[in-house]
Amino acid sequence: MEKSEFRVLIKHYFYVKKTITETKEKLDKYYGDSAPSISMVKKWFTEFYCGRTSTSDAEHSGRPKEVITPQIVDKIHEMILDDRRMKVRELAHAVGISTERVHHILHEYLDMRKLSARWVPRLLTLDHKRNRVTTSILRRFVTMDETWIHHNTPETKEQSKQWVSRGERGPKKAKQSLSANKVMATVFWDARGVIHIDYLEKGKTITGEYYSKLLDRFDVDLKQKRPHLAKKKVLFHQDNARVHTCLVTMAKSTN
């Protein structure tokens, strides 16, 4: 027997002037273990005594909690895999649930987070990676080059964010330059990645003395980031610009 039907019976006994004890005894007699408890009978007697006439549950205020189904989780996962830059509000609108529920699905069910693209000097193709030689000699190579970095790029770090699963590698993007305002960057890197970056202050030029001091700063980072090269001779690769081949620079390089 449903709860609502028991409430109707309790209401009937209340209006025919039965006591709480008498009502409980009659319910136990006809319905046994399925009959409501004495506390429930008391509760509804009190409700009817205070003027209540309805036996239905009162409506709850506020927005009902949305149900998360496997179909919704799978749909959000498919949409993320199709476009990893989708915003939470776009996902919520597409599946018809709140943004709070979408956040819950992404973090608790799919274990995903949003990461910005990591800047790298160059994006290597699959063929480049396959043809990369990883002998012990090449691991000692350190390359230096100067490049102009423009102040403005067509895409911000926030715009480049993509959803990835925990443990999955973050996205990468190549740097693009459109602005006329730019700064000279000197980058030192090896097969494992960037070791040191120096940004030339506005109004200054790279001279032999400046480059010599730059090599000192690079040497500090090299010892910290590549301790395995501390006692080995580094094979330094750079172009033949005048500041790279002057006497001050050559003396510093041989040290």
Protein backbone atom coordinates (compact mmCIF):
# COMPACT_ATOMS: atom_id res chain seq x y z
CA MET A 1 0.00 0.00 0.00
CA GLU A 2 1.33 3.44 -0.93
CA LYS A 3 2.20 6.10 1.65
CA SER A 4 -0.41 8.45 0.23
CA GLU A 5 -3.12 5.82 0.78
CA PHE A 6 -2.10 5.35 4.43
CA ARG A 7 -2.33 9.12 4.87
CA VAL A 8 -5.91 9.05 3.56
CA LEU A 9 -6.80 6.37 6.14
CA ILE A 10 -5.15 8.37 8.94
CA LYS A 11 -7.11 11.43 7.82
CA HIS A 12 -10.34 9.38 7.89
CA TYR A 13 -9.71 8.16 11.45
CA PHE A 14 -8.85 11.72 12.51
CA TYR A 15 -12.19 13.05 11.24
CA VAL A 16 -14.20 10.22 12.84
CA LYS A 17 -12.66 11.20 16.20
CA LYS A 18 -10.39 8.20 16.64
CA THR A 19 -7.37 8.61 18.91
CA ILE A 20 -3.80 8.12 17.77
CA THR A 21 -3.58 4.81 19.63
CA GLU A 22 -6.86 3.53 18.16
CA THR A 23 -5.75 4.53 14.67
CA LYS A 24 -2.43 2.73 15.08
CA GLU A 25 -4.17 -0.43 16.34
CA LYS A 26 -6.55 -0.52 13.37
CA LEU A 27 -3.74 -0.01 10.86
CA ASP A 28 -1.67 -2.78 12.48
CA LYS A 29 -4.69 -5.10 12.50
CA TYR A 30 -5.35 -4.80 8.76
CA TYR A 31 -1.89 -4.08 7.33
CA GLY A 32 0.55 -5.67 9.78
CA ASP A 33 4.23 -4.83 9.27
CA SER A 34 3.51 -2.53 6.32
CA ALA A 35 1.48 -0.16 8.51
CA PRO A 36 3.05 3.25 9.29
CA SER A 37 4.81 3.78 12.62
CA ILE A 38 3.21 5.44 15.63
CA SER A 39 5.43 8.52 15.10
CA MET A 40 4.13 8.86 11.54
CA VAL A 41 0.52 8.63 12.76
CA LYS A 42 1.25 11.33 15.37
CA LYS A 43 2.85 13.54 12.71
CA TRP A 44 -0.20 13.45 10.44
CA PHE A 45 -2.65 13.88 13.32
CA THR A 46 -0.73 17.05 14.23
CA GLU A 47 -0.84 18.25 10.60
CA PHE A 48 -4.62 17.74 10.37
CA TYR A 49 -5.13 19.32 13.78
CA CYS A 50 -3.30 22.46 12.52
CA GLY A 51 -5.70 22.73 9.59
CA ARG A 52 -3.98 20.79 6.84
CA THR A 53 -6.34 19.03 4.44
CA SER A 54 -4.01 17.68 1.74
CA THR A 55 -2.30 14.30 2.07
CA SER A 56 0.21 14.99 -0.73
CA ASP A 57 3.82 15.98 -0.15
CA ALA A 58 4.46 19.72 -0.17
CA GLU A 59 6.38 21.13 -3.13
CA HIS A 60 10.04 21.87 -2.45
CA SER A 61 11.43 25.29 -3.32
CA GLY A 62 14.47 25.76 -5.51
CA ARG A 63 15.65 24.12 -8.68
CA PRO A 64 15.50 20.30 -8.73
CA LYS A 65 18.85 18.55 -8.92
CA GLU A 66 19.59 17.43 -12.44
CA VAL A 67 20.20 13.76 -13.02
CA ILE A 68 23.52 12.74 -14.58
CA THR A 69 23.03 9.80 -16.92
CA PRO A 70 25.63 7.73 -18.79
CA GLN A 71 24.21 9.11 -22.04
CA ILE A 72 24.92 12.71 -20.96
CA VAL A 73 28.44 11.82 -19.81
CA ASP A 74 29.18 10.04 -23.12
CA LYS A 75 27.79 12.94 -25.16
CA ILE A 76 29.93 15.51 -23.33
CA HIS A 77 33.00 13.28 -23.76
CA GLU A 78 32.37 12.95 -27.51
CA MET A 79 31.91 16.72 -27.88
CA ILE A 80 35.17 17.38 -26.01
CA LEU A 81 37.07 14.93 -28.21
CA ASP A 82 35.64 16.61 -31.33
CA ASP A 83 36.55 20.11 -30.12
CA ARG A 84 38.86 20.35 -27.10
CA ARG A 85 38.39 24.12 -26.89
CA MET A 86 34.65 24.02 -26.18
CA LYS A 87 33.52 26.21 -23.30
CA VAL A 88 31.54 24.88 -20.35
CA ARG A 89 28.53 27.04 -21.16
CA GLU A 90 28.50 25.68 -24.72
CA LEU A 91 28.49 22.11 -23.40
CA ALA A 92 25.72 22.96 -20.92
CA HIS A 93 23.58 24.50 -23.66
CA ALA A 94 24.14 21.53 -25.99
CA VAL A 95 23.08 18.84 -23.48
CA GLY A 96 20.49 20.95 -21.64
CA ILE A 97 21.95 20.92 -18.11
CA SER A 98 23.51 23.53 -15.83
CA THR A 99 27.15 24.61 -16.03
CA GLU A 100 27.63 23.33 -12.46
CA ARG A 101 26.64 19.82 -13.58
CA VAL A 102 28.96 20.05 -16.60
CA HIS A 103 31.86 21.00 -14.31
CA HIS A 104 31.00 18.03 -12.09
CA ILE A 105 30.97 15.64 -15.07
CA LEU A 106 34.26 16.94 -16.47
CA HIS A 107 36.15 16.74 -13.18
CA GLU A 108 34.51 13.81 -11.35
CA TYR A 109 33.35 11.50 -14.16
CA LEU A 110 35.81 12.23 -17.01
CA ASP A 111 38.74 13.38 -14.81
CA MET A 112 39.59 16.17 -17.25
CA ARG A 113 41.11 19.63 -16.86
CA LYS A 114 41.82 22.54 -19.19
CA LEU A 115 45.43 23.44 -20.01
CA SER A 116 46.97 26.23 -22.04
CA ALA A 117 49.19 25.40 -25.01
CA ARG A 118 52.89 25.26 -24.11
CA TRP A 119 55.22 27.41 -26.22
CA VAL A 120 57.98 25.50 -28.01
CA PRO A 121 60.65 26.88 -30.39
CA ARG A 122 59.48 24.68 -33.26
CA LEU A 123 56.70 22.18 -33.92
CA LEU A 124 58.24 18.94 -35.16
CA THR A 125 56.40 16.75 -37.64
CA LEU A 126 56.15 12.98 -37.21
CA ASP A 127 58.87 12.50 -39.85
CA HIS A 128 61.17 14.86 -37.96
CA LYS A 129 60.71 12.88 -34.77
CA ARG A 130 61.29 9.56 -36.52
CA ASN A 131 64.50 10.82 -38.09
CA ARG A 132 65.84 12.38 -34.89
CA VAL A 133 69.19 10.92 -33.89
CA THR A 134 69.63 10.38 -30.16
CA THR A 135 73.26 9.31 -29.85
CA SER A 136 75.28 10.31 -26.81
CA ILE A 137 77.27 12.84 -28.87
CA LEU A 138 74.18 14.68 -30.11
CA ARG A 139 72.84 14.88 -26.56
CA ARG A 140 75.80 17.13 -25.79
CA PHE A 141 74.89 19.59 -28.55
CA VAL A 142 73.54 22.96 -27.43
CA THR A 143 72.20 25.30 -30.08
CA MET A 144 71.89 29.07 -29.80
CA ASP A 145 69.93 31.37 -32.06
CA GLU A 146 68.36 34.82 -31.97
CA THR A 147 64.78 35.46 -32.97
CA TRP A 148 62.32 38.33 -32.92
CA ILE A 149 59.31 37.89 -30.63
CA HIS A 150 56.36 40.12 -31.44
CA HIS A 151 54.34 41.67 -28.65
CA ASN A 152 50.94 40.65 -30.01
CA THR A 153 49.78 37.26 -31.24
CA PRO A 154 46.42 36.36 -32.81
CA GLU A 155 45.54 33.96 -29.99
CA THR A 156 45.80 34.44 -26.24
CA LYS A 157 46.86 31.81 -23.75
CA GLU A 158 43.30 31.60 -22.42
CA GLN A 159 41.91 31.05 -25.92
CA SER A 160 44.33 28.18 -26.54
CA LYS A 161 43.08 26.12 -23.58
CA GLN A 162 41.89 22.60 -24.38
CA TRP A 163 40.32 19.83 -22.30
CA VAL A 164 42.63 16.88 -21.65
CA SER A 165 42.40 13.80 -19.46
CA ARG A 166 44.64 13.56 -16.40
CA GLY A 167 48.00 12.18 -17.48
CA GLU A 168 47.48 13.22 -21.11
CA ARG A 169 50.12 15.52 -22.62
CA GLY A 170 49.13 19.16 -22.90
CA PRO A 171 48.56 20.86 -26.28
CA LYS A 172 51.28 22.71 -28.18
CA LYS A 173 51.17 25.63 -30.59
CA ALA A 174 53.63 27.44 -32.83
CA LYS A 175 54.30 31.10 -32.09
CA GLN A 176 52.89 33.51 -34.69
CA SER A 177 53.90 37.15 -35.04
CA LEU A 178 51.71 39.93 -36.40
CA SER A 179 52.67 43.01 -34.41
CA ALA A 180 55.31 45.53 -35.49
CA ASN A 181 56.44 45.87 -31.85
CA LYS A 182 58.97 43.17 -31.12
CA VAL A 183 61.87 42.19 -28.88
CA MET A 184 65.03 40.23 -29.63
CA ALA A 185 65.23 36.89 -27.80
CA THR A 186 68.35 34.75 -27.59
CA VAL A 187 67.42 31.10 -27.05
CA PHE A 188 69.69 28.25 -25.97
CA TRP A 189 68.29 24.72 -26.31
CA ASP A 190 69.26 21.09 -26.74
CA ALA A 191 67.46 17.84 -27.60
CA ARG A 192 65.59 17.93 -24.28
CA GLY A 193 64.24 21.46 -24.61
CA VAL A 194 64.94 25.12 -23.87
CA ILE A 195 67.75 25.80 -21.39
CA HIS A 196 67.93 29.59 -21.29
CA ILE A 197 66.14 32.56 -22.91
CA ASP A 198 67.44 36.12 -22.83
CA TYR A 199 65.35 39.15 -23.86
CA LEU A 200 67.30 42.16 -25.06
CA GLU A 201 66.27 45.41 -23.38
CA LYS A 202 64.84 48.13 -25.60
CA GLY A 203 67.50 50.48 -26.93
CA LYS A 204 70.38 48.05 -26.42
CA THR A 205 72.35 46.06 -28.98
CA ILE A 206 74.16 42.76 -28.69
CA THR A 207 77.88 43.43 -28.41
CA GLY A 208 80.79 41.14 -27.65
CA GLU A 209 80.76 42.22 -24.00
CA TYR A 210 76.97 41.73 -23.69
CA TYR A 211 77.15 38.31 -25.33
CA SER A 212 80.03 37.29 -23.06
CA LYS A 213 77.94 38.10 -19.97
CA LEU A 214 74.99 36.28 -21.55
CA LEU A 215 77.13 33.13 -21.80
CA ASP A 216 77.79 33.38 -18.06
CA ARG A 217 74.04 33.45 -17.34
CA PHE A 218 73.51 30.55 -19.73
CA ASP A 219 76.24 28.55 -17.96
CA VAL A 220 74.39 28.94 -14.63
CA ASP A 221 71.14 27.60 -16.13
CA LEU A 222 73.00 24.81 -17.93
CA LYS A 223 74.46 23.49 -14.66
CA GLN A 224 71.06 23.64 -12.96
CA LYS A 225 68.97 22.13 -15.76
CA ARG A 226 71.54 19.75 -17.29
CA PRO A 227 73.72 18.57 -14.38
CA HIS A 228 74.86 15.55 -16.43
CA LEU A 229 76.77 17.98 -18.70
CA ALA A 230 78.60 19.71 -15.84
CA LYS A 231 81.72 17.56 -16.26
CA LYS A 232 81.44 17.04 -20.02
CA LYS A 233 82.46 19.24 -22.88
CA VAL A 234 79.40 20.86 -24.43
CA LEU A 235 79.31 20.99 -28.23
CA PHE A 236 78.12 24.55 -28.79
CA HIS A 237 76.39 25.38 -32.07
CA GLN A 238 75.86 29.00 -33.18
CA ASP A 239 76.06 31.08 -36.34
CA ASN A 240 79.10 33.16 -37.36
CA ALA A 241 77.77 36.61 -36.48
CA ARG A 242 80.50 39.10 -35.51
CA VAL A 243 79.50 39.16 -31.81
CA HIS A 244 79.80 35.35 -31.78
CA THR A 245 83.29 35.26 -33.27
CA CYS A 246 84.97 38.28 -31.66
CA LEU A 247 87.94 37.74 -29.33
CA VAL A 248 85.98 38.37 -26.11
CA THR A 249 83.33 35.83 -27.06
CA MET A 250 85.77 33.20 -28.30
CA ALA A 251 87.78 33.45 -25.09
CA LYS A 252 84.60 32.96 -23.03
CA SER A 253 83.44 30.03 -25.19
CA THR A 254 86.70 28.13 -24.79
CA ASN A 255 86.46 28.47 -21.01
